[in-house]
Amino acid sequence: MSVMKGAEAAAIFGSKASNGVLIIKTKRLRRAEREKFNELLAKGTDEPVKEPVEETEEISKSRAADRWRGE
């Protein structure tokens, strides 16, 4: 599996790929499996994935911001 991001992905796969592309190399699939896999890939999304932030990290950032503001 490999990841392509930004201009590199957009140049090869078009503007919808500018957020990034996952390239997955698989074993040879049977015809029915291949059709199901292609249908799944075609759905895709144009929105970037938001990664969850651990509560402790979020609290520590908030406290650091408060200290910086003098609160």
PDB file of N, CA and C in Angstrom:
ATOM      1  N   MET A   1       0.850  -1.161   0.000  1.00  0.00           N
ATOM      2  CA  MET A   1       0.000   0.000   0.000  1.00  0.00           C
ATOM      3  C   MET A   1       0.901   1.230   0.000  1.00  0.00           C
ATOM      4  N   SER A   2       0.534   2.235  -0.756  1.00  0.00           N
ATOM      5  CA  SER A   2       1.284   3.489  -0.762  1.00  0.00           C
ATOM      6  C   SER A   2       0.311   4.664  -0.801  1.00  0.00           C
ATOM      7  N   VAL A   3       0.813   5.834  -0.427  1.00  0.00           N
ATOM      8  CA  VAL A   3      -0.009   7.041  -0.343  1.00  0.00           C
ATOM      9  C   VAL A   3       0.585   8.106  -1.250  1.00  0.00           C
ATOM     10  N   MET A   4      -0.265   8.758  -2.026  1.00  0.00           N
ATOM     11  CA  MET A   4       0.158   9.897  -2.847  1.00  0.00           C
ATOM     12  C   MET A   4      -0.670  11.093  -2.399  1.00  0.00           C
ATOM     13  N   LYS A   5      -0.019  12.245  -2.265  1.00  0.00           N
ATOM     14  CA  LYS A   5      -0.729  13.444  -1.814  1.00  0.00           C
ATOM     15  C   LYS A   5      -0.466  14.611  -2.754  1.00  0.00           C
ATOM     16  N   GLY A   6      -1.363  15.585  -2.696  1.00  0.00           N
ATOM     17  CA  GLY A   6      -1.179  16.868  -3.357  1.00  0.00           C
ATOM     18  C   GLY A   6      -1.068  16.813  -4.863  1.00  0.00           C
ATOM     19  N   ALA A   7      -0.128  17.591  -5.385  1.00  0.00           N
ATOM     20  CA  ALA A   7       0.013  17.774  -6.827  1.00  0.00           C
ATOM     21  C   ALA A   7       0.348  16.469  -7.540  1.00  0.00           C
ATOM     22  N   GLU A   8       1.130  15.622  -6.896  1.00  0.00           N
ATOM     23  CA  GLU A   8       1.504  14.347  -7.507  1.00  0.00           C
ATOM     24  C   GLU A   8       0.260  13.502  -7.797  1.00  0.00           C
ATOM     25  N   ALA A   9      -0.628  13.391  -6.819  1.00  0.00           N
ATOM     26  CA  ALA A   9      -1.858  12.616  -6.987  1.00  0.00           C
ATOM     27  C   ALA A   9      -2.784  13.285  -7.999  1.00  0.00           C
ATOM     28  N   ALA A  10      -2.894  14.610  -7.940  1.00  0.00           N
ATOM     29  CA  ALA A  10      -3.773  15.336  -8.860  1.00  0.00           C
ATOM     30  C   ALA A  10      -3.294  15.209 -10.297  1.00  0.00           C
ATOM     31  N   ALA A  11      -1.979  15.199 -10.499  1.00  0.00           N
ATOM     32  CA  ALA A  11      -1.436  15.091 -11.854  1.00  0.00           C
ATOM     33  C   ALA A  11      -1.787  13.747 -12.486  1.00  0.00           C
ATOM     34  N   ILE A  12      -1.800  12.702 -11.685  1.00  0.00           N
ATOM     35  CA  ILE A  12      -2.059  11.366 -12.221  1.00  0.00           C
ATOM     36  C   ILE A  12      -3.548  11.029 -12.232  1.00  0.00           C
ATOM     37  N   PHE A  13      -4.267  11.357 -11.154  1.00  0.00           N
ATOM     38  CA  PHE A  13      -5.647  10.916 -10.995  1.00  0.00           C
ATOM     39  C   PHE A  13      -6.687  12.021 -11.139  1.00  0.00           C
ATOM     40  N   GLY A  14      -6.280  13.271 -11.357  1.00  0.00           N
ATOM     41  CA  GLY A  14      -7.231  14.358 -11.534  1.00  0.00           C
ATOM     42  C   GLY A  14      -7.441  15.170 -10.272  1.00  0.00           C
ATOM     43  N   SER A  15      -8.214  16.238 -10.386  1.00  0.00           N
ATOM     44  CA  SER A  15      -8.371  17.198  -9.288  1.00  0.00           C
ATOM     45  C   SER A  15      -9.041  16.602  -8.048  1.00  0.00           C
ATOM     46  N   LYS A  16      -9.894  15.591  -8.215  1.00  0.00           N
ATOM     47  CA  LYS A  16     -10.541  14.982  -7.049  1.00  0.00           C
ATOM     48  C   LYS A  16      -9.534  14.272  -6.150  1.00  0.00           C
ATOM     49  N   ALA A  17      -8.359  13.984  -6.671  1.00  0.00           N
ATOM     50  CA  ALA A  17      -7.343  13.264  -5.897  1.00  0.00           C
ATOM     51  C   ALA A  17      -6.388  14.199  -5.176  1.00  0.00           C
ATOM     52  N   SER A  18      -6.613  15.500  -5.222  1.00  0.00           N
ATOM     53  CA  SER A  18      -5.665  16.440  -4.622  1.00  0.00           C
ATOM     54  C   SER A  18      -5.552  16.285  -3.108  1.00  0.00           C
ATOM     55  N   ASN A  19      -6.583  15.732  -2.442  1.00  0.00           N
ATOM     56  CA  ASN A  19      -6.504  15.477  -0.998  1.00  0.00           C
ATOM     57  C   ASN A  19      -5.669  14.248  -0.681  1.00  0.00           C
ATOM     58  N   GLY A  20      -5.435  13.418  -1.660  1.00  0.00           N
ATOM     59  CA  GLY A  20      -4.619  12.224  -1.453  1.00  0.00           C
ATOM     60  C   GLY A  20      -5.261  10.991  -2.064  1.00  0.00           C
ATOM     61  N   VAL A  21      -4.413   9.992  -2.334  1.00  0.00           N
ATOM     62  CA  VAL A  21      -4.856   8.747  -2.943  1.00  0.00           C
ATOM     63  C   VAL A  21      -4.150   7.596  -2.245  1.00  0.00           C
ATOM     64  N   LEU A  22      -4.888   6.549  -1.922  1.00  0.00           N
ATOM     65  CA  LEU A  22      -4.288   5.318  -1.420  1.00  0.00           C
ATOM     66  C   LEU A  22      -4.175   4.351  -2.582  1.00  0.00           C
ATOM     67  N   ILE A  23      -2.997   3.819  -2.811  1.00  0.00           N
ATOM     68  CA  ILE A  23      -2.797   2.835  -3.864  1.00  0.00           C
ATOM     69  C   ILE A  23      -2.582   1.495  -3.178  1.00  0.00           C
ATOM     70  N   ILE A  24      -3.489   0.563  -3.439  1.00  0.00           N
ATOM     71  CA  ILE A  24      -3.443  -0.742  -2.794  1.00  0.00           C
ATOM     72  C   ILE A  24      -3.197  -1.796  -3.861  1.00  0.00           C
ATOM     73  N   LYS A  25      -2.100  -2.511  -3.723  1.00  0.00           N
ATOM     74  CA  LYS A  25      -1.812  -3.610  -4.642  1.00  0.00           C
ATOM     75  C   LYS A  25      -2.340  -4.887  -4.008  1.00  0.00           C
ATOM     76  N   THR A  26      -3.177  -5.604  -4.763  1.00  0.00           N
ATOM     77  CA  THR A  26      -3.795  -6.816  -4.237  1.00  0.00           C
ATOM     78  C   THR A  26      -3.435  -8.006  -5.104  1.00  0.00           C
ATOM     79  N   LYS A  27      -3.801  -9.172  -4.614  1.00  0.00           N
ATOM     80  CA  LYS A  27      -3.670 -10.371  -5.424  1.00  0.00           C
ATOM     81  C   LYS A  27      -4.740 -10.312  -6.500  1.00  0.00           C
ATOM     82  N   ARG A  28      -4.619 -11.141  -7.499  1.00  0.00           N
ATOM     83  CA  ARG A  28      -5.609 -11.172  -8.574  1.00  0.00           C
ATOM     84  C   ARG A  28      -6.967 -11.586  -8.000  1.00  0.00           C
ATOM     85  N   LEU A  29      -7.994 -10.804  -8.307  1.00  0.00           N
ATOM     86  CA  LEU A  29      -9.342 -11.065  -7.805  1.00  0.00           C
ATOM     87  C   LEU A  29     -10.180 -11.783  -8.855  1.00  0.00           C
ATOM     88  N   ARG A  30     -11.160 -12.543  -8.371  1.00  0.00           N
ATOM     89  CA  ARG A  30     -12.124 -13.128  -9.293  1.00  0.00           C
ATOM     90  C   ARG A  30     -13.025 -12.016  -9.822  1.00  0.00           C
ATOM     91  N   ARG A  31     -13.683 -12.262 -10.932  1.00  0.00           N
ATOM     92  CA  ARG A  31     -14.481 -11.221 -11.591  1.00  0.00           C
ATOM     93  C   ARG A  31     -15.505 -10.583 -10.648  1.00  0.00           C
ATOM     94  N   ALA A  32     -16.266 -11.381  -9.907  1.00  0.00           N
ATOM     95  CA  ALA A  32     -17.294 -10.839  -9.004  1.00  0.00           C
ATOM     96  C   ALA A  32     -16.656  -9.987  -7.911  1.00  0.00           C
ATOM     97  N   GLU A  33     -15.521 -10.439  -7.381  1.00  0.00           N
ATOM     98  CA  GLU A  33     -14.828  -9.670  -6.346  1.00  0.00           C
ATOM     99  C   GLU A  33     -14.305  -8.358  -6.909  1.00  0.00           C
ATOM    100  N   ARG A  34     -13.790  -8.392  -8.133  1.00  0.00           N
ATOM    101  CA  ARG A  34     -13.237  -7.199  -8.769  1.00  0.00           C
ATOM    102  C   ARG A  34     -14.331  -6.156  -8.987  1.00  0.00           C
ATOM    103  N   GLU A  35     -15.513  -6.592  -9.443  1.00  0.00           N
ATOM    104  CA  GLU A  35     -16.619  -5.657  -9.668  1.00  0.00           C
ATOM    105  C   GLU A  35     -17.068  -5.015  -8.356  1.00  0.00           C
ATOM    106  N   LYS A  36     -17.145  -5.808  -7.281  1.00  0.00           N
ATOM    107  CA  LYS A  36     -17.548  -5.284  -5.975  1.00  0.00           C
ATOM    108  C   LYS A  36     -16.507  -4.286  -5.464  1.00  0.00           C
ATOM    109  N   PHE A  37     -15.229  -4.601  -5.647  1.00  0.00           N
ATOM    110  CA  PHE A  37     -14.148  -3.721  -5.207  1.00  0.00           C
ATOM    111  C   PHE A  37     -14.163  -2.407  -5.982  1.00  0.00           C
ATOM    112  N   ASN A  38     -14.355  -2.468  -7.294  1.00  0.00           N
ATOM    113  CA  ASN A  38     -14.411  -1.251  -8.110  1.00  0.00           C
ATOM    114  C   ASN A  38     -15.594  -0.371  -7.720  1.00  0.00           C
ATOM    115  N   GLU A  39     -16.728  -0.991  -7.393  1.00  0.00           N
ATOM    116  CA  GLU A  39     -17.899  -0.228  -6.949  1.00  0.00           C
ATOM    117  C   GLU A  39     -17.606   0.488  -5.631  1.00  0.00           C
ATOM    118  N   LEU A  40     -16.944  -0.203  -4.726  1.00  0.00           N
ATOM    119  CA  LEU A  40     -16.581   0.386  -3.443  1.00  0.00           C
ATOM    120  C   LEU A  40     -15.637   1.570  -3.645  1.00  0.00           C
ATOM    121  N   LEU A  41     -14.660   1.434  -4.521  1.00  0.00           N
ATOM    122  CA  LEU A  41     -13.710   2.516  -4.776  1.00  0.00           C
ATOM    123  C   LEU A  41     -14.365   3.711  -5.450  1.00  0.00           C
ATOM    124  N   ALA A  42     -15.350   3.458  -6.297  1.00  0.00           N
ATOM    125  CA  ALA A  42     -15.993   4.538  -7.043  1.00  0.00           C
ATOM    126  C   ALA A  42     -16.773   5.478  -6.129  1.00  0.00           C
ATOM    127  N   LYS A  43     -17.203   4.998  -4.971  1.00  0.00           N
ATOM    128  CA  LYS A  43     -17.970   5.848  -4.060  1.00  0.00           C
ATOM    129  C   LYS A  43     -17.113   6.987  -3.536  1.00  0.00           C
ATOM    130  N   GLY A  44     -15.942   6.706  -3.004  1.00  0.00           N
ATOM    131  CA  GLY A  44     -14.968   7.708  -2.573  1.00  0.00           C
ATOM    132  C   GLY A  44     -15.536   8.875  -1.779  1.00  0.00           C
ATOM    133  N   THR A  45     -14.698   9.875  -1.537  1.00  0.00           N
ATOM    134  CA  THR A  45     -15.109  11.087  -0.841  1.00  0.00           C
ATOM    135  C   THR A  45     -14.198  12.233  -1.239  1.00  0.00           C
ATOM    136  N   ASP A  46     -14.742  13.434  -1.248  1.00  0.00           N
ATOM    137  CA  ASP A  46     -13.952  14.617  -1.580  1.00  0.00           C
ATOM    138  C   ASP A  46     -13.510  15.366  -0.334  1.00  0.00           C
ATOM    139  N   GLU A  47     -13.932  14.891   0.833  1.00  0.00           N
ATOM    140  CA  GLU A  47     -13.602  15.585   2.072  1.00  0.00           C
ATOM    141  C   GLU A  47     -12.434  14.899   2.772  1.00  0.00           C
ATOM    142  N   PRO A  48     -11.478  15.677   3.275  1.00  0.00           N
ATOM    143  CA  PRO A  48     -10.376  15.061   4.013  1.00  0.00           C
ATOM    144  C   PRO A  48     -10.874  14.448   5.321  1.00  0.00           C
ATOM    145  N   VAL A  49     -10.209  13.427   5.758  1.00  0.00           N
ATOM    146  CA  VAL A  49     -10.583  12.749   6.994  1.00  0.00           C
ATOM    147  C   VAL A  49     -10.044  13.533   8.184  1.00  0.00           C
ATOM    148  N   LYS A  50     -10.896  13.755   9.174  1.00  0.00           N
ATOM    149  CA  LYS A  50     -10.456  14.423  10.401  1.00  0.00           C
ATOM    150  C   LYS A  50      -9.978  13.345  11.363  1.00  0.00           C
ATOM    151  N   GLU A  51      -8.713  13.443  11.755  1.00  0.00           N
ATOM    152  CA  GLU A  51      -8.178  12.467  12.685  1.00  0.00           C
ATOM    153  C   GLU A  51      -8.565  12.859  14.108  1.00  0.00           C
ATOM    154  N   PRO A  52      -8.967  11.881  14.925  1.00  0.00           N
ATOM    155  CA  PRO A  52      -9.364  12.206  16.295  1.00  0.00           C
ATOM    156  C   PRO A  52      -8.176  12.690  17.116  1.00  0.00           C
ATOM    157  N   VAL A  53      -8.441  13.625  18.003  1.00  0.00           N
ATOM    158  CA  VAL A  53      -7.414  14.149  18.902  1.00  0.00           C
ATOM    159  C   VAL A  53      -7.704  13.594  20.282  1.00  0.00           C
ATOM    160  N   GLU A  54      -6.674  13.072  20.930  1.00  0.00           N
ATOM    161  CA  GLU A  54      -6.877  12.552  22.281  1.00  0.00           C
ATOM    162  C   GLU A  54      -7.264  13.699  23.204  1.00  0.00           C
ATOM    163  N   GLU A  55      -8.107  13.408  24.157  1.00  0.00           N
ATOM    164  CA  GLU A  55      -8.596  14.438  25.071  1.00  0.00           C
ATOM    165  C   GLU A  55      -7.443  15.119  25.801  1.00  0.00           C
ATOM    166  N   THR A  56      -6.457  14.371  26.212  1.00  0.00           N
ATOM    167  CA  THR A  56      -5.345  14.959  26.957  1.00  0.00           C
ATOM    168  C   THR A  56      -4.561  15.940  26.089  1.00  0.00           C
ATOM    169  N   GLU A  57      -4.396  15.617  24.809  1.00  0.00           N
ATOM    170  CA  GLU A  57      -3.687  16.516  23.896  1.00  0.00           C
ATOM    171  C   GLU A  57      -4.481  17.805  23.703  1.00  0.00           C
ATOM    172  N   GLU A  58      -5.788  17.672  23.564  1.00  0.00           N
ATOM    173  CA  GLU A  58      -6.642  18.843  23.372  1.00  0.00           C
ATOM    174  C   GLU A  58      -6.608  19.746  24.608  1.00  0.00           C
ATOM    175  N   ILE A  59      -6.680  19.140  25.789  1.00  0.00           N
ATOM    176  CA  ILE A  59      -6.637  19.913  27.031  1.00  0.00           C
ATOM    177  C   ILE A  59      -5.297  20.612  27.180  1.00  0.00           C
ATOM    178  N   SER A  60      -4.216  19.911  26.867  1.00  0.00           N
ATOM    179  CA  SER A  60      -2.893  20.526  27.005  1.00  0.00           C
ATOM    180  C   SER A  60      -2.731  21.710  26.047  1.00  0.00           C
ATOM    181  N   LYS A  61      -3.264  21.603  24.837  1.00  0.00           N
ATOM    182  CA  LYS A  61      -3.197  22.724  23.888  1.00  0.00           C
ATOM    183  C   LYS A  61      -4.025  23.903  24.393  1.00  0.00           C
ATOM    184  N   SER A  62      -5.190  23.615  24.968  1.00  0.00           N
ATOM    185  CA  SER A  62      -6.043  24.672  25.495  1.00  0.00           C
ATOM    186  C   SER A  62      -5.364  25.403  26.649  1.00  0.00           C
ATOM    187  N   ARG A  63      -4.743  24.641  27.543  1.00  0.00           N
ATOM    188  CA  ARG A  63      -4.049  25.261  28.674  1.00  0.00           C
ATOM    189  C   ARG A  63      -2.857  26.090  28.217  1.00  0.00           C
ATOM    190  N   ALA A  64      -2.129  25.614  27.217  1.00  0.00           N
ATOM    191  CA  ALA A  64      -0.991  26.368  26.688  1.00  0.00           C
ATOM    192  C   ALA A  64      -1.472  27.678  26.070  1.00  0.00           C
ATOM    193  N   ALA A  65      -2.603  27.638  25.372  1.00  0.00           N
ATOM    194  CA  ALA A  65      -3.163  28.851  24.771  1.00  0.00           C
ATOM    195  C   ALA A  65      -3.587  29.836  25.854  1.00  0.00           C
ATOM    196  N   ASP A  66      -4.178  29.328  26.938  1.00  0.00           N
ATOM    197  CA  ASP A  66      -4.574  30.189  28.061  1.00  0.00           C
ATOM    198  C   ASP A  66      -3.355  30.866  28.685  1.00  0.00           C
ATOM    199  N   ARG A  67      -2.277  30.101  28.876  1.00  0.00           N
ATOM    200  CA  ARG A  67      -1.055  30.680  29.453  1.00  0.00           C
ATOM    201  C   ARG A  67      -0.477  31.749  28.531  1.00  0.00           C
ATOM    202  N   TRP A  68      -0.510  31.494  27.227  1.00  0.00           N
ATOM    203  CA  TRP A  68       0.043  32.441  26.261  1.00  0.00           C
ATOM    204  C   TRP A  68      -0.743  33.758  26.283  1.00  0.00           C
ATOM    205  N   ARG A  69      -2.077  33.641  26.482  1.00  0.00           N
ATOM    206  CA  ARG A  69      -2.927  34.836  26.543  1.00  0.00           C
ATOM    207  C   ARG A  69      -2.865  35.500  27.915  1.00  0.00           C
ATOM    208  N   GLY A  70      -2.236  34.858  28.897  1.00  0.00           N
ATOM    209  CA  GLY A  70      -2.123  35.424  30.233  1.00  0.00           C
ATOM    210  C   GLY A  70      -3.334  35.169  31.099  1.00  0.00           C
ATOM    211  N   GLU A  71      -4.095  34.169  30.785  1.00  0.00           N
ATOM    212  CA  GLU A  71      -5.313  33.852  31.558  1.00  0.00           C
ATOM    213  C   GLU A  71      -5.017  32.837  32.633  1.00  0.00           C
TER     214      GLU A  71
END
